């Protein structure tokens, strides 16, 4: 079971995943919006479509990073430094601009569950920020000198799904209440933004200070 990271890494990854999951964005807007306009089944179909996209992104990113580790540990190190900077930039953007959450209120033409699933998959796969995020986020939890780094990249990427489901599924189930909470309580959204910024800044600073020693 060498592909399983140590408990400290798993806990850190779980915290980051939780903060990311509760941060309003395009995926959450789609899940909640479809649940509001077409019912919970449509919302869940979109959610599972996005999760399917995460599996594809994980495979592509993990394979690419694994090849990079083998070909050039120095390039992998440079990617980690770039990733730390990107996480700091995301933290700054969260504080400066805040979260965007504008779910569709009115239902359009009814879509089948498959079409809703495909919409969730498409939103995830066609979002360049997702693959950029995974490329810069996952490396922060492995070392280029770790012979089991490729397996750990796969493990963490796939672990993102079961960690995110307990957060996103209740949002779909309580779509109406959750949507009203975020729209009527901007303070809640700002707290989430600050949590996001704090956690990802901490991860970025950790990797920067560790590499500087």
N, C-alpha and C. Protein backbone atom coordinates (compact mmCIF):
# COMPACT_ATOMS: atom_id res chain seq x y z
N UNK A 1 0.83 -1.21 0.00
CA UNK A 1 0.00 0.00 0.00
C UNK A 1 0.87 1.26 0.00
N UNK A 2 1.98 1.19 -0.73
CA UNK A 2 2.91 2.32 -0.75
C UNK A 2 2.34 3.55 -1.46
N UNK A 3 1.24 3.36 -2.21
CA UNK A 3 0.65 4.49 -2.93
C UNK A 3 -0.20 5.37 -2.02
N UNK A 4 -0.43 4.94 -0.79
CA UNK A 4 -1.23 5.72 0.15
C UNK A 4 -0.32 6.68 0.92
N UNK A 5 -0.57 7.99 0.84
CA UNK A 5 0.26 8.95 1.57
C UNK A 5 0.12 8.77 3.08
N UNK A 6 1.00 9.42 3.83
CA UNK A 6 0.91 9.33 5.28
C UNK A 6 -0.31 10.08 5.77
N UNK A 7 -0.69 9.82 7.02
CA UNK A 7 -1.93 10.38 7.57
C UNK A 7 -1.92 11.91 7.60
N UNK A 8 -0.77 12.51 7.86
CA UNK A 8 -0.69 13.97 7.91
C UNK A 8 -1.02 14.58 6.54
N UNK A 9 -0.49 13.96 5.48
CA UNK A 9 -0.76 14.44 4.12
C UNK A 9 -2.23 14.28 3.78
N UNK A 10 -2.82 13.14 4.15
CA UNK A 10 -4.24 12.89 3.86
C UNK A 10 -5.11 13.92 4.58
N UNK A 11 -4.78 14.22 5.82
CA UNK A 11 -5.56 15.20 6.58
C UNK A 11 -5.47 16.58 5.93
N UNK A 12 -4.25 16.97 5.54
CA UNK A 12 -4.08 18.26 4.87
C UNK A 12 -4.85 18.32 3.57
N UNK A 13 -4.80 17.23 2.80
CA UNK A 13 -5.52 17.18 1.53
C UNK A 13 -7.02 17.23 1.76
N UNK A 14 -7.49 16.55 2.80
CA UNK A 14 -8.93 16.55 3.12
C UNK A 14 -9.41 17.95 3.48
N UNK A 15 -8.62 18.68 4.25
CA UNK A 15 -8.99 20.05 4.63
C UNK A 15 -9.07 20.93 3.39
N UNK A 16 -8.08 20.82 2.52
CA UNK A 16 -8.07 21.62 1.30
C UNK A 16 -9.26 21.28 0.41
N UNK A 17 -9.57 19.99 0.30
CA UNK A 17 -10.70 19.55 -0.52
C UNK A 17 -12.02 20.08 0.03
N UNK A 18 -12.16 20.04 1.35
CA UNK A 18 -13.39 20.55 1.98
C UNK A 18 -13.58 22.03 1.68
N UNK A 19 -12.52 22.82 1.86
CA UNK A 19 -12.61 24.26 1.60
C UNK A 19 -12.94 24.52 0.14
N UNK A 20 -12.29 23.77 -0.75
CA UNK A 20 -12.55 23.94 -2.18
C UNK A 20 -13.99 23.57 -2.52
N UNK A 21 -14.51 22.52 -1.88
CA UNK A 21 -15.86 22.03 -2.19
C UNK A 21 -16.95 23.01 -1.78
N UNK A 22 -16.73 23.75 -0.69
CA UNK A 22 -17.77 24.68 -0.24
C UNK A 22 -17.61 26.06 -0.85
N UNK A 23 -16.56 26.25 -1.67
CA UNK A 23 -16.36 27.55 -2.31
C UNK A 23 -17.22 27.65 -3.56
N UNK A 24 -18.13 28.63 -3.62
CA UNK A 24 -19.00 28.76 -4.80
C UNK A 24 -18.21 28.96 -6.08
N UNK A 25 -18.61 28.26 -7.11
CA UNK A 25 -17.96 28.37 -8.41
C UNK A 25 -18.87 27.84 -9.49
N UNK A 26 -18.36 27.69 -10.74
CA UNK A 26 -19.20 27.22 -11.86
C UNK A 26 -19.86 25.87 -11.61
N UNK A 27 -19.12 24.91 -11.05
CA UNK A 27 -19.69 23.59 -10.82
C UNK A 27 -20.83 23.65 -9.81
N UNK A 28 -20.59 24.32 -8.68
CA UNK A 28 -21.62 24.40 -7.66
C UNK A 28 -22.85 25.15 -8.18
N UNK A 29 -22.60 26.21 -8.94
CA UNK A 29 -23.71 26.96 -9.52
C UNK A 29 -24.57 26.07 -10.41
N UNK A 30 -23.91 25.21 -11.19
CA UNK A 30 -24.64 24.28 -12.07
C UNK A 30 -25.44 23.28 -11.26
N UNK A 31 -24.82 22.63 -10.25
CA UNK A 31 -25.51 21.62 -9.44
C UNK A 31 -26.76 22.20 -8.79
N UNK A 32 -26.57 23.30 -8.08
CA UNK A 32 -27.67 23.91 -7.32
C UNK A 32 -28.71 24.50 -8.27
N UNK A 33 -28.26 25.12 -9.34
CA UNK A 33 -29.19 25.71 -10.30
C UNK A 33 -30.10 24.68 -10.94
N UNK A 34 -29.53 23.55 -11.34
CA UNK A 34 -30.34 22.50 -11.95
C UNK A 34 -31.29 21.88 -10.93
N UNK A 35 -30.82 21.74 -9.69
CA UNK A 35 -31.69 21.20 -8.65
C UNK A 35 -32.87 22.12 -8.41
N UNK A 36 -32.64 23.44 -8.48
CA UNK A 36 -33.71 24.41 -8.28
C UNK A 36 -34.69 24.41 -9.45
N UNK A 37 -34.15 24.32 -10.66
CA UNK A 37 -35.00 24.47 -11.84
C UNK A 37 -35.62 23.17 -12.33
N UNK A 38 -34.95 22.03 -12.12
CA UNK A 38 -35.44 20.77 -12.67
C UNK A 38 -35.55 19.64 -11.66
N UNK A 39 -35.19 19.91 -10.42
CA UNK A 39 -35.31 18.88 -9.40
C UNK A 39 -33.97 18.29 -8.98
N UNK A 40 -34.00 17.58 -7.86
CA UNK A 40 -32.76 17.04 -7.29
C UNK A 40 -32.07 16.05 -8.21
N UNK A 41 -32.85 15.24 -8.93
CA UNK A 41 -32.24 14.23 -9.81
C UNK A 41 -31.36 14.90 -10.86
N UNK A 42 -31.84 16.02 -11.41
CA UNK A 42 -31.05 16.75 -12.41
C UNK A 42 -29.79 17.32 -11.77
N UNK A 43 -29.92 17.83 -10.56
CA UNK A 43 -28.76 18.37 -9.86
C UNK A 43 -27.71 17.30 -9.60
N UNK A 44 -28.17 16.12 -9.16
CA UNK A 44 -27.23 15.03 -8.90
C UNK A 44 -26.60 14.52 -10.20
N UNK A 45 -27.38 14.51 -11.29
CA UNK A 45 -26.83 14.07 -12.57
C UNK A 45 -25.69 14.99 -13.00
N UNK A 46 -25.89 16.29 -12.84
CA UNK A 46 -24.83 17.25 -13.18
C UNK A 46 -23.61 17.05 -12.27
N UNK A 47 -23.89 16.80 -10.99
CA UNK A 47 -22.80 16.61 -10.03
C UNK A 47 -21.97 15.38 -10.39
N UNK A 48 -22.63 14.26 -10.73
CA UNK A 48 -21.89 13.05 -11.08
C UNK A 48 -21.17 13.20 -12.42
N UNK A 49 -21.71 14.04 -13.29
CA UNK A 49 -20.99 14.34 -14.54
C UNK A 49 -19.68 15.05 -14.25
N UNK A 50 -19.73 16.03 -13.34
CA UNK A 50 -18.52 16.75 -12.97
C UNK A 50 -17.52 15.83 -12.28
N UNK A 51 -18.02 14.93 -11.43
CA UNK A 51 -17.13 13.98 -10.76
C UNK A 51 -16.47 13.04 -11.77
N UNK A 52 -17.20 12.68 -12.82
CA UNK A 52 -16.60 11.87 -13.88
C UNK A 52 -15.47 12.62 -14.55
N UNK A 53 -15.66 13.93 -14.70
CA UNK A 53 -14.60 14.76 -15.27
C UNK A 53 -13.38 14.78 -14.38
N UNK A 54 -13.59 14.77 -13.07
CA UNK A 54 -12.47 14.76 -12.13
C UNK A 54 -11.62 13.50 -12.31
N UNK A 55 -12.29 12.35 -12.55
CA UNK A 55 -11.56 11.11 -12.78
C UNK A 55 -10.66 11.25 -14.00
N UNK A 56 -11.19 11.83 -15.08
CA UNK A 56 -10.41 12.00 -16.31
C UNK A 56 -9.26 12.96 -16.08
N UNK A 57 -9.54 14.08 -15.42
CA UNK A 57 -8.48 15.04 -15.13
C UNK A 57 -7.38 14.41 -14.27
N UNK A 58 -7.81 13.64 -13.27
CA UNK A 58 -6.83 13.00 -12.39
C UNK A 58 -5.91 12.08 -13.17
N UNK A 59 -6.48 11.25 -14.05
CA UNK A 59 -5.67 10.33 -14.85
C UNK A 59 -4.69 11.09 -15.74
N UNK A 60 -5.18 12.12 -16.44
CA UNK A 60 -4.32 12.88 -17.34
C UNK A 60 -3.22 13.61 -16.60
N UNK A 61 -3.60 14.26 -15.51
CA UNK A 61 -2.62 15.03 -14.75
C UNK A 61 -1.62 14.12 -14.07
N UNK A 62 -2.11 13.05 -13.43
CA UNK A 62 -1.21 12.14 -12.73
C UNK A 62 -0.23 11.48 -13.69
N UNK A 63 -0.70 11.07 -14.86
CA UNK A 63 0.20 10.48 -15.85
C UNK A 63 1.23 11.49 -16.32
N UNK A 64 0.78 12.72 -16.56
CA UNK A 64 1.70 13.76 -17.01
C UNK A 64 2.73 14.11 -15.96
N UNK A 65 2.30 14.25 -14.71
CA UNK A 65 3.23 14.58 -13.64
C UNK A 65 4.17 13.42 -13.36
N UNK A 66 3.65 12.20 -13.47
CA UNK A 66 4.50 11.03 -13.25
C UNK A 66 5.62 10.98 -14.29
N UNK A 67 5.26 11.27 -15.55
CA UNK A 67 6.27 11.30 -16.62
C UNK A 67 7.29 12.40 -16.36
N UNK A 68 6.80 13.53 -15.84
CA UNK A 68 7.70 14.66 -15.56
C UNK A 68 8.68 14.31 -14.44
N UNK A 69 8.20 13.58 -13.42
CA UNK A 69 9.07 13.18 -12.32
C UNK A 69 10.20 12.29 -12.84
N UNK A 70 9.84 11.35 -13.72
CA UNK A 70 10.83 10.43 -14.27
C UNK A 70 11.81 11.15 -15.18
N UNK A 71 11.28 12.05 -16.02
CA UNK A 71 12.12 12.74 -17.00
C UNK A 71 12.99 13.82 -16.37
N UNK A 72 12.41 14.56 -15.42
CA UNK A 72 13.15 15.69 -14.86
C UNK A 72 12.61 16.08 -13.50
N UNK A 73 13.20 15.58 -12.44
CA UNK A 73 12.77 16.00 -11.10
C UNK A 73 12.91 17.50 -10.90
N UNK A 74 13.88 18.11 -11.58
CA UNK A 74 14.06 19.56 -11.46
C UNK A 74 12.87 20.31 -12.05
N UNK A 75 12.35 19.80 -13.17
CA UNK A 75 11.18 20.44 -13.77
C UNK A 75 9.96 20.26 -12.87
N UNK A 76 9.86 19.11 -12.23
CA UNK A 76 8.76 18.88 -11.29
C UNK A 76 8.86 19.85 -10.12
N UNK A 77 10.10 20.07 -9.64
CA UNK A 77 10.33 21.03 -8.56
C UNK A 77 9.88 22.43 -9.00
N UNK A 78 10.23 22.80 -10.24
CA UNK A 78 9.83 24.12 -10.76
C UNK A 78 8.31 24.23 -10.83
N UNK A 79 7.64 23.12 -11.21
CA UNK A 79 6.18 23.13 -11.26
C UNK A 79 5.59 23.35 -9.88
N UNK A 80 6.21 22.75 -8.86
CA UNK A 80 5.72 22.92 -7.50
C UNK A 80 5.85 24.39 -7.07
N UNK A 81 6.94 25.03 -7.45
CA UNK A 81 7.13 26.44 -7.11
C UNK A 81 6.07 27.28 -7.83
N UNK A 82 5.86 26.97 -9.11
CA UNK A 82 4.82 27.68 -9.87
C UNK A 82 3.45 27.44 -9.25
N UNK A 83 3.22 26.19 -8.83
CA UNK A 83 1.95 25.86 -8.21
C UNK A 83 1.71 26.62 -6.92
N UNK A 84 2.77 26.78 -6.12
CA UNK A 84 2.64 27.55 -4.89
C UNK A 84 2.25 28.99 -5.20
N UNK A 85 2.88 29.54 -6.23
CA UNK A 85 2.52 30.90 -6.64
C UNK A 85 1.09 31.01 -7.13
N UNK A 86 0.66 29.97 -7.85
CA UNK A 86 -0.72 29.97 -8.36
C UNK A 86 -1.73 29.88 -7.23
N UNK A 87 -1.43 29.08 -6.20
CA UNK A 87 -2.32 28.98 -5.06
C UNK A 87 -2.41 30.32 -4.33
N UNK A 88 -1.28 31.02 -4.22
CA UNK A 88 -1.30 32.35 -3.61
C UNK A 88 -2.16 33.31 -4.43
N UNK A 89 -2.06 33.20 -5.76
CA UNK A 89 -2.86 34.07 -6.64
C UNK A 89 -4.35 33.77 -6.48
N UNK A 90 -4.70 32.48 -6.37
CA UNK A 90 -6.10 32.12 -6.15
C UNK A 90 -6.60 32.68 -4.82
N UNK A 91 -5.75 32.62 -3.80
CA UNK A 91 -6.12 33.15 -2.49
C UNK A 91 -6.37 34.65 -2.59
N UNK A 92 -5.50 35.35 -3.31
CA UNK A 92 -5.66 36.79 -3.49
C UNK A 92 -6.94 37.12 -4.25
N UNK A 93 -7.23 36.33 -5.29
CA UNK A 93 -8.45 36.55 -6.08
C UNK A 93 -9.70 36.33 -5.23
N UNK A 94 -9.66 35.32 -4.34
CA UNK A 94 -10.81 35.03 -3.49
C UNK A 94 -11.12 36.21 -2.57
N UNK A 95 -10.07 36.83 -2.05
CA UNK A 95 -10.26 37.97 -1.15
C UNK A 95 -10.68 39.21 -1.94
N UNK A 96 -10.07 39.40 -3.08
CA UNK A 96 -10.33 40.62 -3.85
C UNK A 96 -11.69 40.62 -4.53
N UNK A 97 -12.04 39.50 -5.16
CA UNK A 97 -13.27 39.46 -5.96
C UNK A 97 -14.40 38.68 -5.30
N UNK A 98 -14.08 37.76 -4.39
CA UNK A 98 -15.13 36.98 -3.75
C UNK A 98 -15.65 35.89 -4.67
N UNK A 99 -16.63 35.16 -4.15
CA UNK A 99 -17.20 34.03 -4.87
C UNK A 99 -18.36 34.46 -5.76
N UNK A 100 -18.48 33.77 -6.88
CA UNK A 100 -19.60 34.03 -7.79
C UNK A 100 -20.61 32.89 -7.65
N UNK A 101 -21.84 33.25 -7.32
CA UNK A 101 -22.87 32.21 -7.16
C UNK A 101 -24.18 32.78 -7.67
N UNK A 102 -24.56 32.42 -8.91
CA UNK A 102 -25.80 32.92 -9.50
C UNK A 102 -26.53 31.77 -10.18
N UNK A 103 -27.15 30.91 -9.40
CA UNK A 103 -27.85 29.76 -9.98
C UNK A 103 -29.06 30.20 -10.79
N UNK A 104 -29.35 29.45 -11.83
CA UNK A 104 -30.52 29.76 -12.65
C UNK A 104 -31.78 29.51 -11.83
N UNK A 105 -32.66 30.47 -11.84
CA UNK A 105 -33.87 30.37 -11.02
C UNK A 105 -35.04 29.79 -11.82
N UNK A 106 -35.07 30.06 -13.10
CA UNK A 106 -36.19 29.61 -13.93
C UNK A 106 -35.78 28.38 -14.73
N UNK A 107 -36.65 27.40 -14.75
CA UNK A 107 -36.37 26.19 -15.50
C UNK A 107 -36.50 26.42 -17.00
N UNK A 108 -35.58 25.82 -17.75
CA UNK A 108 -35.68 25.87 -19.20
C UNK A 108 -36.29 24.55 -19.66
N UNK A 109 -36.05 24.18 -20.91
CA UNK A 109 -36.59 22.91 -21.40
C UNK A 109 -36.02 21.76 -20.57
N UNK A 110 -36.88 20.81 -20.25
CA UNK A 110 -36.44 19.68 -19.44
C UNK A 110 -35.36 18.89 -20.17
N UNK A 111 -34.34 18.52 -19.46
CA UNK A 111 -33.25 17.73 -20.02
C UNK A 111 -33.29 16.35 -19.38
N UNK A 112 -32.84 15.34 -20.13
CA UNK A 112 -32.77 14.00 -19.57
C UNK A 112 -31.63 13.95 -18.56
N UNK A 113 -31.64 12.91 -17.73
CA UNK A 113 -30.57 12.75 -16.75
C UNK A 113 -29.22 12.60 -17.45
N UNK A 114 -29.22 11.90 -18.60
CA UNK A 114 -27.96 11.75 -19.34
C UNK A 114 -27.46 13.10 -19.83
N UNK A 115 -28.35 13.94 -20.34
CA UNK A 115 -27.92 15.25 -20.83
C UNK A 115 -27.42 16.12 -19.68
N UNK A 116 -28.05 16.00 -18.53
CA UNK A 116 -27.56 16.74 -17.37
C UNK A 116 -26.18 16.22 -16.95
N UNK A 117 -26.02 14.90 -16.98
CA UNK A 117 -24.71 14.32 -16.67
C UNK A 117 -23.67 14.83 -17.66
N UNK A 118 -24.02 14.83 -18.95
CA UNK A 118 -23.08 15.29 -19.98
C UNK A 118 -22.75 16.77 -19.80
N UNK A 119 -23.73 17.55 -19.36
CA UNK A 119 -23.47 18.97 -19.11
C UNK A 119 -22.46 19.15 -17.98
N UNK A 120 -22.65 18.39 -16.90
CA UNK A 120 -21.70 18.45 -15.79
C UNK A 120 -20.31 18.02 -16.23
N UNK A 121 -20.24 16.95 -17.03
CA UNK A 121 -18.96 16.47 -17.54
C UNK A 121 -18.30 17.54 -18.41
N UNK A 122 -19.09 18.15 -19.30
CA UNK A 122 -18.55 19.15 -20.20
C UNK A 122 -18.05 20.39 -19.47
N UNK A 123 -18.84 20.86 -18.49
CA UNK A 123 -18.44 22.03 -17.71
C UNK A 123 -17.10 21.77 -17.04
N UNK A 124 -16.92 20.55 -16.54
CA UNK A 124 -15.68 20.21 -15.85
C UNK A 124 -14.51 20.05 -16.81
N UNK A 125 -14.70 19.28 -17.89
CA UNK A 125 -13.60 19.01 -18.81
C UNK A 125 -13.17 20.24 -19.59
N UNK A 126 -14.12 21.12 -19.91
CA UNK A 126 -13.81 22.28 -20.75
C UNK A 126 -13.38 23.49 -19.95
N UNK A 127 -13.26 23.33 -18.64
CA UNK A 127 -12.82 24.44 -17.80
C UNK A 127 -11.30 24.35 -17.63
N UNK A 128 -10.54 25.23 -18.32
CA UNK A 128 -9.08 25.14 -18.23
C UNK A 128 -8.55 25.36 -16.82
N UNK A 129 -9.34 26.05 -15.99
CA UNK A 129 -8.89 26.31 -14.62
C UNK A 129 -8.83 25.02 -13.80
N UNK A 130 -9.68 24.03 -14.16
CA UNK A 130 -9.70 22.78 -13.41
C UNK A 130 -8.39 22.02 -13.59
N UNK A 131 -7.98 21.83 -14.86
CA UNK A 131 -6.75 21.07 -15.09
C UNK A 131 -5.54 21.86 -14.59
N UNK A 132 -5.56 23.19 -14.71
CA UNK A 132 -4.46 24.00 -14.19
C UNK A 132 -4.40 23.87 -12.68
N UNK A 133 -5.58 23.87 -12.05
CA UNK A 133 -5.61 23.73 -10.59
C UNK A 133 -5.06 22.38 -10.17
N UNK A 134 -5.51 21.31 -10.84
CA UNK A 134 -5.04 19.98 -10.47
C UNK A 134 -3.54 19.83 -10.72
N UNK A 135 -3.05 20.43 -11.80
CA UNK A 135 -1.63 20.34 -12.11
C UNK A 135 -0.77 21.05 -11.06
N UNK A 136 -1.31 22.10 -10.46
CA UNK A 136 -0.52 22.85 -9.48
C UNK A 136 -0.86 22.48 -8.04
N UNK A 137 -2.02 21.86 -7.84
CA UNK A 137 -2.47 21.52 -6.49
C UNK A 137 -1.92 20.17 -6.04
N UNK A 138 -2.08 19.14 -6.86
CA UNK A 138 -1.65 17.80 -6.48
C UNK A 138 -0.15 17.71 -6.17
N UNK A 139 0.72 18.38 -6.96
CA UNK A 139 2.15 18.25 -6.66
C UNK A 139 2.56 18.72 -5.27
N UNK A 140 1.75 19.57 -4.64
CA UNK A 140 2.12 20.08 -3.32
C UNK A 140 2.12 18.98 -2.26
N UNK A 141 1.54 17.82 -2.59
CA UNK A 141 1.40 16.76 -1.60
C UNK A 141 2.33 15.57 -1.84
N UNK A 142 3.21 15.69 -2.83
CA UNK A 142 4.17 14.62 -3.09
C UNK A 142 5.55 15.22 -3.32
N UNK A 143 6.56 14.38 -3.23
CA UNK A 143 7.93 14.81 -3.47
C UNK A 143 8.48 14.10 -4.70
N UNK A 144 9.26 14.82 -5.47
CA UNK A 144 9.84 14.21 -6.67
C UNK A 144 10.79 13.07 -6.32
N UNK A 145 11.33 13.08 -5.10
CA UNK A 145 12.26 12.03 -4.68
C UNK A 145 11.54 10.80 -4.14
N UNK A 146 10.22 10.89 -4.02
CA UNK A 146 9.43 9.76 -3.51
C UNK A 146 9.21 8.76 -4.65
N UNK A 147 9.72 7.53 -4.53
CA UNK A 147 9.54 6.55 -5.61
C UNK A 147 8.09 6.15 -5.84
N UNK A 148 7.24 6.44 -4.86
CA UNK A 148 5.83 6.09 -4.97
C UNK A 148 4.96 7.30 -5.32
N UNK A 149 5.59 8.38 -5.76
CA UNK A 149 4.86 9.61 -6.07
C UNK A 149 3.75 9.41 -7.11
N UNK A 150 3.99 8.67 -8.22
CA UNK A 150 2.92 8.49 -9.21
C UNK A 150 1.66 7.87 -8.61
N UNK A 151 1.84 6.81 -7.80
CA UNK A 151 0.68 6.18 -7.18
C UNK A 151 -0.03 7.10 -6.22
N UNK A 152 0.73 7.91 -5.51
CA UNK A 152 0.13 8.84 -4.55
C UNK A 152 -0.65 9.94 -5.28
N UNK A 153 -0.17 10.36 -6.45
CA UNK A 153 -0.90 11.35 -7.24
C UNK A 153 -2.26 10.80 -7.65
N UNK A 154 -2.28 9.55 -8.13
CA UNK A 154 -3.55 8.92 -8.49
C UNK A 154 -4.46 8.81 -7.27
N UNK A 155 -3.90 8.34 -6.18
CA UNK A 155 -4.69 8.13 -4.97
C UNK A 155 -5.33 9.43 -4.50
N UNK A 156 -4.55 10.50 -4.42
CA UNK A 156 -5.08 11.77 -3.92
C UNK A 156 -6.11 12.36 -4.89
N UNK A 157 -5.81 12.27 -6.20
CA UNK A 157 -6.75 12.81 -7.17
C UNK A 157 -8.10 12.13 -7.11
N UNK A 158 -8.09 10.79 -6.99
CA UNK A 158 -9.35 10.05 -6.91
C UNK A 158 -10.00 10.22 -5.55
N UNK A 159 -9.20 10.44 -4.51
CA UNK A 159 -9.76 10.63 -3.18
C UNK A 159 -10.55 11.94 -3.09
N UNK A 160 -10.26 12.84 -4.02
CA UNK A 160 -10.98 14.12 -4.06
C UNK A 160 -12.49 13.89 -4.15
N UNK A 161 -12.89 12.85 -4.89
CA UNK A 161 -14.33 12.60 -5.12
C UNK A 161 -15.06 12.19 -3.85
N UNK A 162 -14.65 11.11 -3.15
CA UNK A 162 -15.38 10.75 -1.92
C UNK A 162 -15.27 11.81 -0.84
N UNK A 163 -14.22 12.63 -0.88
CA UNK A 163 -14.12 13.70 0.10
C UNK A 163 -15.08 14.85 -0.22
N UNK A 164 -15.30 15.09 -1.50
CA UNK A 164 -16.16 16.20 -1.91
C UNK A 164 -17.64 15.85 -1.85
N UNK A 165 -17.98 14.58 -2.08
CA UNK A 165 -19.39 14.18 -2.13
C UNK A 165 -20.18 14.52 -0.87
N UNK A 166 -19.66 14.26 0.33
CA UNK A 166 -20.44 14.59 1.54
C UNK A 166 -20.69 16.09 1.71
N UNK A 167 -19.93 16.90 0.96
CA UNK A 167 -20.13 18.35 1.01
C UNK A 167 -21.10 18.80 -0.07
N UNK A 168 -20.89 18.32 -1.30
CA UNK A 168 -21.71 18.80 -2.42
C UNK A 168 -23.10 18.17 -2.45
N UNK A 169 -23.22 16.89 -2.06
CA UNK A 169 -24.52 16.24 -2.09
C UNK A 169 -25.56 16.95 -1.21
N UNK A 170 -25.25 17.31 0.04
CA UNK A 170 -26.23 18.05 0.84
C UNK A 170 -26.61 19.39 0.24
N UNK A 171 -25.68 20.01 -0.50
CA UNK A 171 -26.00 21.28 -1.15
C UNK A 171 -27.09 21.09 -2.20
N UNK A 172 -27.01 19.97 -2.93
CA UNK A 172 -28.03 19.67 -3.94
C UNK A 172 -29.35 19.34 -3.25
N UNK A 173 -29.29 18.55 -2.19
CA UNK A 173 -30.50 18.17 -1.46
C UNK A 173 -31.21 19.38 -0.87
N UNK A 174 -30.42 20.34 -0.41
CA UNK A 174 -31.00 21.54 0.22
C UNK A 174 -30.75 22.75 -0.67
N UNK A 175 -30.92 22.56 -1.98
CA UNK A 175 -30.57 23.60 -2.95
C UNK A 175 -31.25 24.92 -2.66
N UNK A 176 -32.56 24.89 -2.39
CA UNK A 176 -33.30 26.13 -2.18
C UNK A 176 -32.77 26.90 -0.97
N UNK A 177 -32.64 26.19 0.15
CA UNK A 177 -32.16 26.84 1.36
C UNK A 177 -30.72 27.29 1.23
N UNK A 178 -29.88 26.48 0.60
CA UNK A 178 -28.48 26.83 0.43
C UNK A 178 -28.33 28.06 -0.47
N UNK A 179 -29.11 28.08 -1.55
CA UNK A 179 -29.05 29.22 -2.47
C UNK A 179 -29.47 30.51 -1.78
N UNK A 180 -30.57 30.44 -1.02
CA UNK A 180 -31.04 31.64 -0.31
C UNK A 180 -30.04 32.09 0.74
N UNK A 181 -29.39 31.13 1.40
CA UNK A 181 -28.41 31.47 2.43
C UNK A 181 -27.25 32.28 1.85
N UNK A 182 -26.72 31.82 0.71
CA UNK A 182 -25.60 32.53 0.12
C UNK A 182 -26.00 33.88 -0.47
N UNK A 183 -27.25 33.94 -0.99
CA UNK A 183 -27.68 35.21 -1.60
C UNK A 183 -28.07 36.24 -0.55
N UNK A 184 -28.64 35.78 0.56
CA UNK A 184 -29.10 36.71 1.58
C UNK A 184 -28.06 36.96 2.67
N UNK A 185 -27.02 36.14 2.70
CA UNK A 185 -26.00 36.31 3.73
C UNK A 185 -24.62 36.41 3.09
N UNK A 186 -24.30 37.56 2.52
CA UNK A 186 -22.99 37.74 1.90
C UNK A 186 -21.84 37.46 2.87
N UNK A 187 -22.11 37.64 4.17
CA UNK A 187 -21.06 37.40 5.15
C UNK A 187 -20.61 35.94 5.15
N UNK A 188 -21.57 35.03 4.93
CA UNK A 188 -21.22 33.60 4.86
C UNK A 188 -20.27 33.35 3.70
N UNK A 189 -20.61 33.91 2.55
CA UNK A 189 -19.76 33.74 1.37
C UNK A 189 -18.37 34.32 1.61
N UNK A 190 -18.29 35.45 2.30
CA UNK A 190 -16.99 36.06 2.57
C UNK A 190 -16.18 35.21 3.54
N UNK A 191 -16.84 34.60 4.50
CA UNK A 191 -16.13 33.70 5.42
C UNK A 191 -15.51 32.54 4.63
N UNK A 192 -16.30 32.00 3.68
CA UNK A 192 -15.79 30.91 2.85
C UNK A 192 -14.59 31.39 2.03
N UNK A 193 -14.69 32.61 1.48
CA UNK A 193 -13.57 33.17 0.71
C UNK A 193 -12.30 33.27 1.55
N UNK A 194 -12.45 33.73 2.79
CA UNK A 194 -11.29 33.88 3.66
C UNK A 194 -10.73 32.52 4.07
N UNK A 195 -11.61 31.53 4.28
CA UNK A 195 -11.13 30.18 4.57
C UNK A 195 -10.32 29.64 3.41
N UNK A 196 -10.85 29.81 2.21
CA UNK A 196 -10.17 29.37 0.99
C UNK A 196 -8.80 30.03 0.90
N UNK A 197 -8.78 31.35 1.06
CA UNK A 197 -7.53 32.10 0.94
C UNK A 197 -6.53 31.68 2.01
N UNK A 198 -7.01 31.50 3.24
CA UNK A 198 -6.12 31.12 4.32
C UNK A 198 -5.50 29.76 4.13
N UNK A 199 -6.33 28.77 3.79
CA UNK A 199 -5.82 27.40 3.64
C UNK A 199 -4.85 27.29 2.47
N UNK A 200 -5.19 27.87 1.33
CA UNK A 200 -4.31 27.73 0.17
C UNK A 200 -3.06 28.59 0.29
N UNK A 201 -3.14 29.69 0.99
CA UNK A 201 -1.93 30.48 1.27
C UNK A 201 -0.99 29.67 2.16
N UNK A 202 -1.56 28.98 3.14
CA UNK A 202 -0.75 28.17 4.06
C UNK A 202 -0.02 27.06 3.29
N UNK A 203 -0.73 26.38 2.37
CA UNK A 203 -0.10 25.33 1.58
C UNK A 203 1.01 25.91 0.70
N UNK A 204 0.74 27.06 0.08
CA UNK A 204 1.73 27.69 -0.79
C UNK A 204 2.97 28.08 -0.01
N UNK A 205 2.79 28.72 1.13
CA UNK A 205 3.92 29.15 1.95
C UNK A 205 4.70 27.95 2.48
N UNK A 206 3.98 26.89 2.79
CA UNK A 206 4.65 25.68 3.30
C UNK A 206 5.62 25.13 2.26
N UNK A 207 5.16 25.02 1.01
CA UNK A 207 6.04 24.46 -0.01
C UNK A 207 7.17 25.42 -0.35
N UNK A 208 6.91 26.72 -0.35
CA UNK A 208 7.96 27.70 -0.67
C UNK A 208 9.04 27.70 0.42
N UNK A 209 8.64 27.68 1.68
CA UNK A 209 9.62 27.70 2.77
C UNK A 209 10.37 26.37 2.84
N UNK A 210 9.68 25.26 2.55
CA UNK A 210 10.34 23.96 2.60
C UNK A 210 11.42 23.87 1.53
N UNK A 211 11.15 24.40 0.34
CA UNK A 211 12.12 24.31 -0.76
C UNK A 211 13.27 25.29 -0.56
N UNK A 212 13.05 26.31 0.26
CA UNK A 212 14.07 27.33 0.45
C UNK A 212 15.13 26.88 1.46
N UNK A 213 14.86 25.81 2.21
CA UNK A 213 15.82 25.34 3.21
C UNK A 213 16.96 24.58 2.59
